[in-house]
Amino acid sequence: MKKILGLLLVSLIMTACNTTKFSTGGEKEKKFVDDFLNMMDKDHGPDYTGLMACISPAYLKENNLNPEKYKVDNYSVWGHSIESYTSRGTVVTRIWGENHSWEHELTFQLRKEGGKLYLVPSEHDQNYLSPWSARRTYLKAD
């Protein structure tokens, strides 16, 4: 019974989160993703605590994940740009390594919970959460 009530609560939260409107221009959403990518520091290593704070608590609860036992998958980013935004909370970015030796496109899906923005991971394994909803790797630089 307790588990059923918990699942019902998560379902209600998910429904409420999905009906929350995102901004039309996406300035807050783009800044949130920009700040997230800045935590993938090439010089000092990733800020795992900061990265985890950006992950949807509803996702963690829905998947029974203890955030203290997981790390957020990341890259050693030398630079990044925000490519596009949709009013459905989707932010598309480009990240790259030193001298653009590699370049990837990461798509992030945001969710509002309790008035705050969070990332919805695409998947998780035994140790890591993938914070992006889609990833295209090793793109040829434009």
N, C-alpha and C. Protein backbone atom coordinates (compact mmCIF):
# COMPACT_ATOMS: atom_id res chain seq x y z
N MET A 1 0.82 -1.18 0.00
CA MET A 1 0.00 0.00 0.00
C MET A 1 0.88 1.26 0.00
N LYS A 2 1.91 1.24 0.84
CA LYS A 2 2.81 2.38 0.94
C LYS A 2 3.51 2.64 -0.39
N LYS A 3 3.91 1.56 -1.07
CA LYS A 3 4.57 1.67 -2.37
C LYS A 3 3.61 2.24 -3.42
N ILE A 4 2.36 1.79 -3.39
CA ILE A 4 1.36 2.28 -4.34
C ILE A 4 1.12 3.78 -4.13
N LEU A 5 1.02 4.20 -2.88
CA LEU A 5 0.84 5.62 -2.59
C LEU A 5 2.04 6.43 -3.05
N GLY A 6 3.25 5.88 -2.86
CA GLY A 6 4.46 6.55 -3.32
C GLY A 6 4.48 6.70 -4.82
N LEU A 7 4.10 5.65 -5.54
CA LEU A 7 4.05 5.71 -7.00
C LEU A 7 2.99 6.70 -7.47
N LEU A 8 1.86 6.74 -6.78
CA LEU A 8 0.81 7.69 -7.11
C LEU A 8 1.30 9.12 -6.92
N LEU A 9 2.02 9.36 -5.83
CA LEU A 9 2.57 10.69 -5.56
C LEU A 9 3.56 11.09 -6.65
N VAL A 10 4.45 10.18 -7.02
CA VAL A 10 5.42 10.47 -8.09
C VAL A 10 4.68 10.77 -9.39
N SER A 11 3.63 10.00 -9.68
CA SER A 11 2.84 10.21 -10.90
C SER A 11 2.19 11.60 -10.89
N LEU A 12 1.65 12.00 -9.75
CA LEU A 12 1.04 13.33 -9.65
C LEU A 12 2.08 14.43 -9.81
N ILE A 13 3.25 14.23 -9.23
CA ILE A 13 4.33 15.21 -9.36
C ILE A 13 4.74 15.31 -10.82
N MET A 14 4.89 14.17 -11.48
CA MET A 14 5.29 14.16 -12.89
C MET A 14 4.26 14.89 -13.74
N THR A 15 2.99 14.64 -13.49
CA THR A 15 1.94 15.31 -14.25
C THR A 15 1.99 16.80 -14.01
N ALA A 16 2.14 17.21 -12.77
CA ALA A 16 2.22 18.63 -12.45
C ALA A 16 3.44 19.27 -13.10
N CYS A 17 4.55 18.57 -13.09
CA CYS A 17 5.79 19.09 -13.67
C CYS A 17 5.66 19.24 -15.17
N ASN A 18 5.01 18.31 -15.82
CA ASN A 18 4.90 18.35 -17.27
C ASN A 18 3.93 19.41 -17.74
N THR A 19 3.04 19.89 -16.88
CA THR A 19 2.11 20.92 -17.30
C THR A 19 2.63 22.32 -16.98
N THR A 20 3.73 22.41 -16.29
CA THR A 20 4.32 23.69 -15.96
C THR A 20 4.87 24.33 -17.22
N LYS A 21 4.54 25.57 -17.42
CA LYS A 21 5.00 26.29 -18.62
C LYS A 21 6.43 26.75 -18.44
N PHE A 22 7.17 26.64 -19.53
CA PHE A 22 8.52 27.18 -19.57
C PHE A 22 8.43 28.55 -20.24
N SER A 23 9.47 29.34 -20.08
CA SER A 23 9.45 30.67 -20.67
C SER A 23 9.55 30.58 -22.18
N THR A 24 9.00 31.56 -22.86
CA THR A 24 8.99 31.58 -24.32
C THR A 24 10.39 31.73 -24.87
N GLY A 25 11.17 32.68 -24.35
CA GLY A 25 12.52 32.91 -24.85
C GLY A 25 13.55 31.98 -24.26
N GLY A 26 13.24 31.40 -23.11
CA GLY A 26 14.11 30.42 -22.49
C GLY A 26 15.37 30.96 -21.85
N GLU A 27 15.40 32.23 -21.49
CA GLU A 27 16.63 32.79 -20.91
C GLU A 27 17.03 32.08 -19.61
N LYS A 28 16.07 31.84 -18.73
CA LYS A 28 16.39 31.13 -17.47
C LYS A 28 16.82 29.70 -17.74
N GLU A 29 16.14 29.06 -18.67
CA GLU A 29 16.45 27.67 -19.00
C GLU A 29 17.84 27.56 -19.63
N LYS A 30 18.16 28.47 -20.56
CA LYS A 30 19.48 28.45 -21.21
C LYS A 30 20.57 28.75 -20.19
N LYS A 31 20.32 29.68 -19.27
CA LYS A 31 21.31 30.00 -18.24
C LYS A 31 21.53 28.80 -17.32
N PHE A 32 20.45 28.11 -16.98
CA PHE A 32 20.56 26.92 -16.13
C PHE A 32 21.48 25.88 -16.78
N VAL A 33 21.28 25.62 -18.07
CA VAL A 33 22.12 24.64 -18.77
C VAL A 33 23.54 25.16 -18.92
N ASP A 34 23.69 26.46 -19.18
CA ASP A 34 25.03 27.07 -19.28
C ASP A 34 25.78 26.88 -17.96
N ASP A 35 25.12 27.16 -16.85
CA ASP A 35 25.74 26.98 -15.53
C ASP A 35 26.10 25.51 -15.29
N PHE A 36 25.21 24.60 -15.72
CA PHE A 36 25.48 23.18 -15.58
C PHE A 36 26.74 22.78 -16.35
N LEU A 37 26.85 23.24 -17.59
CA LEU A 37 28.03 22.91 -18.40
C LEU A 37 29.30 23.52 -17.82
N ASN A 38 29.18 24.69 -17.19
CA ASN A 38 30.35 25.31 -16.55
C ASN A 38 30.88 24.49 -15.38
N MET A 39 30.05 23.62 -14.82
CA MET A 39 30.50 22.76 -13.71
C MET A 39 31.34 21.58 -14.19
N MET A 40 31.42 21.40 -15.51
CA MET A 40 32.28 20.34 -16.08
C MET A 40 33.64 20.96 -16.35
N ASP A 41 34.30 21.36 -15.31
CA ASP A 41 35.53 22.14 -15.39
C ASP A 41 36.71 21.31 -15.89
N LYS A 42 37.34 21.75 -16.97
CA LYS A 42 38.46 21.02 -17.56
C LYS A 42 39.72 21.09 -16.70
N ASP A 43 39.87 22.13 -15.91
CA ASP A 43 41.08 22.32 -15.13
C ASP A 43 41.04 21.66 -13.75
N HIS A 44 39.88 21.67 -13.11
CA HIS A 44 39.78 21.18 -11.73
C HIS A 44 38.94 19.93 -11.58
N GLY A 45 38.44 19.41 -12.67
CA GLY A 45 37.56 18.25 -12.59
C GLY A 45 36.13 18.66 -12.35
N PRO A 46 35.18 17.77 -12.56
CA PRO A 46 33.78 18.14 -12.43
C PRO A 46 33.35 18.38 -10.98
N ASP A 47 32.40 19.27 -10.83
CA ASP A 47 31.78 19.54 -9.53
C ASP A 47 30.61 18.56 -9.38
N TYR A 48 30.89 17.35 -8.92
CA TYR A 48 29.85 16.32 -8.85
C TYR A 48 28.68 16.71 -7.96
N THR A 49 28.95 17.42 -6.87
CA THR A 49 27.86 17.84 -5.98
C THR A 49 26.96 18.83 -6.70
N GLY A 50 27.55 19.80 -7.38
CA GLY A 50 26.77 20.78 -8.13
C GLY A 50 26.01 20.15 -9.28
N LEU A 51 26.66 19.23 -9.99
CA LEU A 51 26.00 18.55 -11.11
C LEU A 51 24.80 17.75 -10.61
N MET A 52 24.97 17.03 -9.51
CA MET A 52 23.87 16.22 -8.97
C MET A 52 22.71 17.09 -8.49
N ALA A 53 23.01 18.27 -8.01
CA ALA A 53 21.94 19.18 -7.55
C ALA A 53 21.04 19.62 -8.69
N CYS A 54 21.49 19.45 -9.92
CA CYS A 54 20.71 19.84 -11.10
C CYS A 54 19.80 18.71 -11.60
N ILE A 55 19.92 17.53 -11.03
CA ILE A 55 19.15 16.37 -11.49
C ILE A 55 17.77 16.36 -10.82
N SER A 56 16.76 16.05 -11.59
CA SER A 56 15.38 16.02 -11.13
C SER A 56 15.19 15.11 -9.91
N PRO A 57 14.75 15.68 -8.77
CA PRO A 57 14.46 14.84 -7.61
C PRO A 57 13.37 13.80 -7.91
N ALA A 58 12.40 14.16 -8.76
CA ALA A 58 11.34 13.21 -9.11
C ALA A 58 11.92 12.02 -9.88
N TYR A 59 12.89 12.28 -10.76
CA TYR A 59 13.55 11.19 -11.49
C TYR A 59 14.27 10.26 -10.51
N LEU A 60 14.99 10.86 -9.57
CA LEU A 60 15.71 10.06 -8.58
C LEU A 60 14.75 9.20 -7.77
N LYS A 61 13.65 9.81 -7.34
CA LYS A 61 12.67 9.09 -6.53
C LYS A 61 11.98 8.00 -7.36
N GLU A 62 11.58 8.35 -8.57
CA GLU A 62 10.89 7.41 -9.45
C GLU A 62 11.74 6.17 -9.73
N ASN A 63 13.06 6.36 -9.81
CA ASN A 63 13.97 5.27 -10.11
C ASN A 63 14.66 4.69 -8.88
N ASN A 64 14.22 5.14 -7.70
CA ASN A 64 14.76 4.64 -6.43
C ASN A 64 16.27 4.80 -6.35
N LEU A 65 16.78 5.96 -6.73
CA LEU A 65 18.22 6.20 -6.78
C LEU A 65 18.66 7.09 -5.62
N ASN A 66 19.71 6.67 -4.95
CA ASN A 66 20.31 7.46 -3.89
C ASN A 66 21.37 8.35 -4.53
N PRO A 67 21.19 9.68 -4.54
CA PRO A 67 22.14 10.56 -5.21
C PRO A 67 23.55 10.51 -4.63
N GLU A 68 23.69 10.04 -3.40
CA GLU A 68 25.02 9.94 -2.80
C GLU A 68 25.82 8.77 -3.36
N LYS A 69 25.15 7.86 -4.05
CA LYS A 69 25.83 6.68 -4.60
C LYS A 69 26.09 6.80 -6.11
N TYR A 70 25.67 7.91 -6.71
CA TYR A 70 25.82 8.10 -8.15
C TYR A 70 26.65 9.34 -8.46
N LYS A 71 27.23 9.32 -9.65
CA LYS A 71 27.88 10.50 -10.21
C LYS A 71 27.15 10.86 -11.49
N VAL A 72 27.27 12.12 -11.88
CA VAL A 72 26.67 12.59 -13.11
C VAL A 72 27.71 12.46 -14.22
N ASP A 73 27.35 11.77 -15.29
CA ASP A 73 28.25 11.62 -16.43
C ASP A 73 28.58 13.01 -16.97
N ASN A 74 29.81 13.19 -17.42
CA ASN A 74 30.23 14.52 -17.85
C ASN A 74 31.41 14.42 -18.80
N TYR A 75 31.80 15.56 -19.33
CA TYR A 75 32.95 15.67 -20.22
C TYR A 75 33.90 16.71 -19.66
N SER A 76 35.14 16.65 -20.11
CA SER A 76 36.11 17.70 -19.80
C SER A 76 35.95 18.77 -20.88
N VAL A 77 35.12 19.74 -20.60
CA VAL A 77 34.68 20.72 -21.60
C VAL A 77 35.65 21.91 -21.65
N TRP A 78 36.11 22.21 -22.85
CA TRP A 78 36.96 23.39 -23.08
C TRP A 78 36.12 24.58 -23.52
N GLY A 79 34.96 24.30 -24.04
CA GLY A 79 34.05 25.36 -24.46
C GLY A 79 32.69 24.78 -24.79
N HIS A 80 31.70 25.65 -24.80
CA HIS A 80 30.35 25.21 -25.14
C HIS A 80 29.52 26.38 -25.64
N SER A 81 28.44 26.05 -26.31
CA SER A 81 27.50 27.06 -26.78
C SER A 81 26.09 26.50 -26.68
N ILE A 82 25.15 27.41 -26.48
CA ILE A 82 23.74 27.04 -26.49
C ILE A 82 23.27 27.23 -27.93
N GLU A 83 22.78 26.17 -28.53
CA GLU A 83 22.40 26.20 -29.95
C GLU A 83 20.93 26.55 -30.16
N SER A 84 20.05 25.98 -29.33
CA SER A 84 18.62 26.26 -29.51
C SER A 84 17.86 25.93 -28.24
N TYR A 85 16.63 26.42 -28.22
CA TYR A 85 15.73 26.22 -27.08
C TYR A 85 14.31 26.10 -27.61
N THR A 86 13.52 25.21 -27.01
CA THR A 86 12.10 25.15 -27.33
C THR A 86 11.31 25.49 -26.08
N SER A 87 10.10 25.99 -26.27
CA SER A 87 9.26 26.36 -25.13
C SER A 87 8.79 25.13 -24.34
N ARG A 88 9.16 23.93 -24.77
CA ARG A 88 8.84 22.71 -24.02
C ARG A 88 9.97 22.35 -23.07
N GLY A 89 10.96 23.24 -22.90
CA GLY A 89 12.03 23.00 -21.95
C GLY A 89 13.18 22.18 -22.49
N THR A 90 13.38 22.19 -23.80
CA THR A 90 14.48 21.45 -24.41
C THR A 90 15.57 22.44 -24.82
N VAL A 91 16.80 22.17 -24.39
CA VAL A 91 17.95 23.02 -24.72
C VAL A 91 18.99 22.17 -25.44
N VAL A 92 19.38 22.61 -26.63
CA VAL A 92 20.39 21.91 -27.41
C VAL A 92 21.70 22.69 -27.32
N THR A 93 22.79 21.97 -27.03
CA THR A 93 24.09 22.61 -26.84
C THR A 93 25.15 21.93 -27.71
N ARG A 94 26.26 22.62 -27.86
CA ARG A 94 27.47 22.02 -28.44
C ARG A 94 28.56 22.18 -27.40
N ILE A 95 29.34 21.13 -27.24
CA ILE A 95 30.50 21.19 -26.35
C ILE A 95 31.71 20.73 -27.16
N TRP A 96 32.90 21.17 -26.72
CA TRP A 96 34.09 20.75 -27.46
C TRP A 96 35.30 20.66 -26.54
N GLY A 97 36.28 19.93 -27.05
CA GLY A 97 37.54 19.75 -26.35
C GLY A 97 38.58 20.75 -26.84
N GLU A 98 39.79 20.61 -26.32
CA GLU A 98 40.88 21.52 -26.66
C GLU A 98 41.06 21.60 -28.18
N ASN A 99 41.16 22.83 -28.69
CA ASN A 99 41.32 23.08 -30.12
C ASN A 99 40.24 22.42 -30.97
N HIS A 100 39.07 22.24 -30.41
CA HIS A 100 37.95 21.59 -31.10
C HIS A 100 38.33 20.20 -31.61
N SER A 101 39.21 19.51 -30.86
CA SER A 101 39.65 18.17 -31.27
C SER A 101 38.47 17.18 -31.29
N TRP A 102 37.45 17.47 -30.55
CA TRP A 102 36.18 16.74 -30.60
C TRP A 102 35.06 17.72 -30.34
N GLU A 103 33.89 17.40 -30.84
CA GLU A 103 32.72 18.24 -30.64
C GLU A 103 31.49 17.34 -30.56
N HIS A 104 30.66 17.60 -29.55
CA HIS A 104 29.44 16.81 -29.35
C HIS A 104 28.24 17.74 -29.26
N GLU A 105 27.09 17.21 -29.61
CA GLU A 105 25.83 17.92 -29.41
C GLU A 105 25.07 17.21 -28.29
N LEU A 106 24.76 17.96 -27.25
CA LEU A 106 24.00 17.41 -26.12
C LEU A 106 22.65 18.11 -26.06
N THR A 107 21.60 17.34 -25.94
CA THR A 107 20.25 17.88 -25.78
C THR A 107 19.81 17.62 -24.35
N PHE A 108 19.34 18.66 -23.69
CA PHE A 108 18.89 18.54 -22.31
C PHE A 108 17.39 18.79 -22.23
N GLN A 109 16.71 17.95 -21.46
CA GLN A 109 15.29 18.14 -21.19
C GLN A 109 15.15 18.64 -19.77
N LEU A 110 14.53 19.80 -19.63
CA LEU A 110 14.35 20.39 -18.31
C LEU A 110 12.95 20.12 -17.80
N ARG A 111 12.82 20.17 -16.49
CA ARG A 111 11.55 19.97 -15.82
C ARG A 111 11.51 20.96 -14.65
N LYS A 112 10.34 21.51 -14.41
CA LYS A 112 10.17 22.36 -13.23
C LYS A 112 9.54 21.53 -12.13
N GLU A 113 10.16 21.60 -10.96
CA GLU A 113 9.64 20.94 -9.77
C GLU A 113 9.71 21.94 -8.63
N GLY A 114 8.58 22.21 -8.03
CA GLY A 114 8.55 23.17 -6.93
C GLY A 114 9.06 24.54 -7.37
N GLY A 115 8.83 24.89 -8.62
CA GLY A 115 9.24 26.18 -9.14
C GLY A 115 10.71 26.26 -9.55
N LYS A 116 11.47 25.17 -9.41
CA LYS A 116 12.89 25.15 -9.77
C LYS A 116 13.11 24.30 -11.00
N LEU A 117 14.15 24.65 -11.75
CA LEU A 117 14.52 23.88 -12.93
C LEU A 117 15.43 22.71 -12.58
N TYR A 118 15.22 21.60 -13.25
CA TYR A 118 16.06 20.41 -13.10
C TYR A 118 16.23 19.75 -14.46
N LEU A 119 17.25 18.92 -14.58
CA LEU A 119 17.47 18.11 -15.77
C LEU A 119 16.86 16.74 -15.57
N VAL A 120 16.28 16.21 -16.64
CA VAL A 120 15.75 14.86 -16.62
C VAL A 120 16.75 13.96 -17.34
N PRO A 121 17.42 13.07 -16.64
CA PRO A 121 18.40 12.17 -17.28
C PRO A 121 17.73 11.26 -18.32
N SER A 122 18.53 10.84 -19.29
CA SER A 122 18.03 9.90 -20.29
C SER A 122 18.14 8.47 -19.79
N GLU A 123 19.11 8.22 -18.91
CA GLU A 123 19.33 6.87 -18.41
C GLU A 123 20.29 6.90 -17.23
N HIS A 124 20.45 5.74 -16.64
CA HIS A 124 21.45 5.58 -15.58
C HIS A 124 21.91 4.13 -15.58
N ASP A 125 23.12 3.92 -15.08
CA ASP A 125 23.62 2.56 -14.91
C ASP A 125 23.92 2.37 -13.43
N GLN A 126 24.83 1.51 -13.09
CA GLN A 126 25.13 1.25 -11.68
C GLN A 126 25.85 2.39 -10.98
N ASN A 127 26.54 3.27 -11.76
CA ASN A 127 27.36 4.31 -11.15
C ASN A 127 27.05 5.73 -11.62
N TYR A 128 26.54 5.88 -12.83
CA TYR A 128 26.40 7.20 -13.44
C TYR A 128 24.99 7.46 -13.95
N LEU A 129 24.60 8.74 -13.88
CA LEU A 129 23.38 9.25 -14.50
C LEU A 129 23.79 10.00 -15.76
N SER A 130 23.08 9.81 -16.85
CA SER A 130 23.33 10.57 -18.07
C SER A 130 22.39 11.78 -18.07
N PRO A 131 22.91 12.99 -17.83
CA PRO A 131 22.05 14.16 -17.63
C PRO A 131 21.36 14.66 -18.90
N TRP A 132 21.82 14.24 -20.05
CA TRP A 132 21.25 14.70 -21.32
C TRP A 132 20.14 13.75 -21.76
N SER A 133 19.23 14.27 -22.58
CA SER A 133 18.17 13.42 -23.12
C SER A 133 18.59 12.80 -24.44
N ALA A 134 19.56 13.42 -25.11
CA ALA A 134 20.11 12.88 -26.35
C ALA A 134 21.54 13.38 -26.50
N ARG A 135 22.34 12.59 -27.25
CA ARG A 135 23.74 12.95 -27.43
C ARG A 135 24.17 12.49 -28.82
N ARG A 136 24.77 13.41 -29.56
CA ARG A 136 25.41 13.09 -30.84
C ARG A 136 26.88 13.39 -30.67
N THR A 137 27.72 12.39 -30.88
CA THR A 137 29.14 12.56 -30.57
C THR A 137 30.00 12.69 -31.83
N TYR A 138 31.14 13.28 -31.62
CA TYR A 138 32.18 13.45 -32.65
C TYR A 138 31.64 14.04 -33.94
N LEU A 139 31.01 15.19 -33.80
CA LEU A 139 30.49 15.92 -34.95
C LEU A 139 31.64 16.66 -35.61
N LYS A 140 31.52 16.84 -36.88
CA LYS A 140 32.51 17.64 -37.59
C LYS A 140 32.19 19.10 -37.27
N ALA A 141 33.19 19.85 -36.85
CA ALA A 141 32.98 21.26 -36.50
C ALA A 141 32.51 22.02 -37.73
N ASP A 142 31.55 22.93 -37.51
CA ASP A 142 31.03 23.76 -38.61
C ASP A 142 32.03 24.79 -39.05
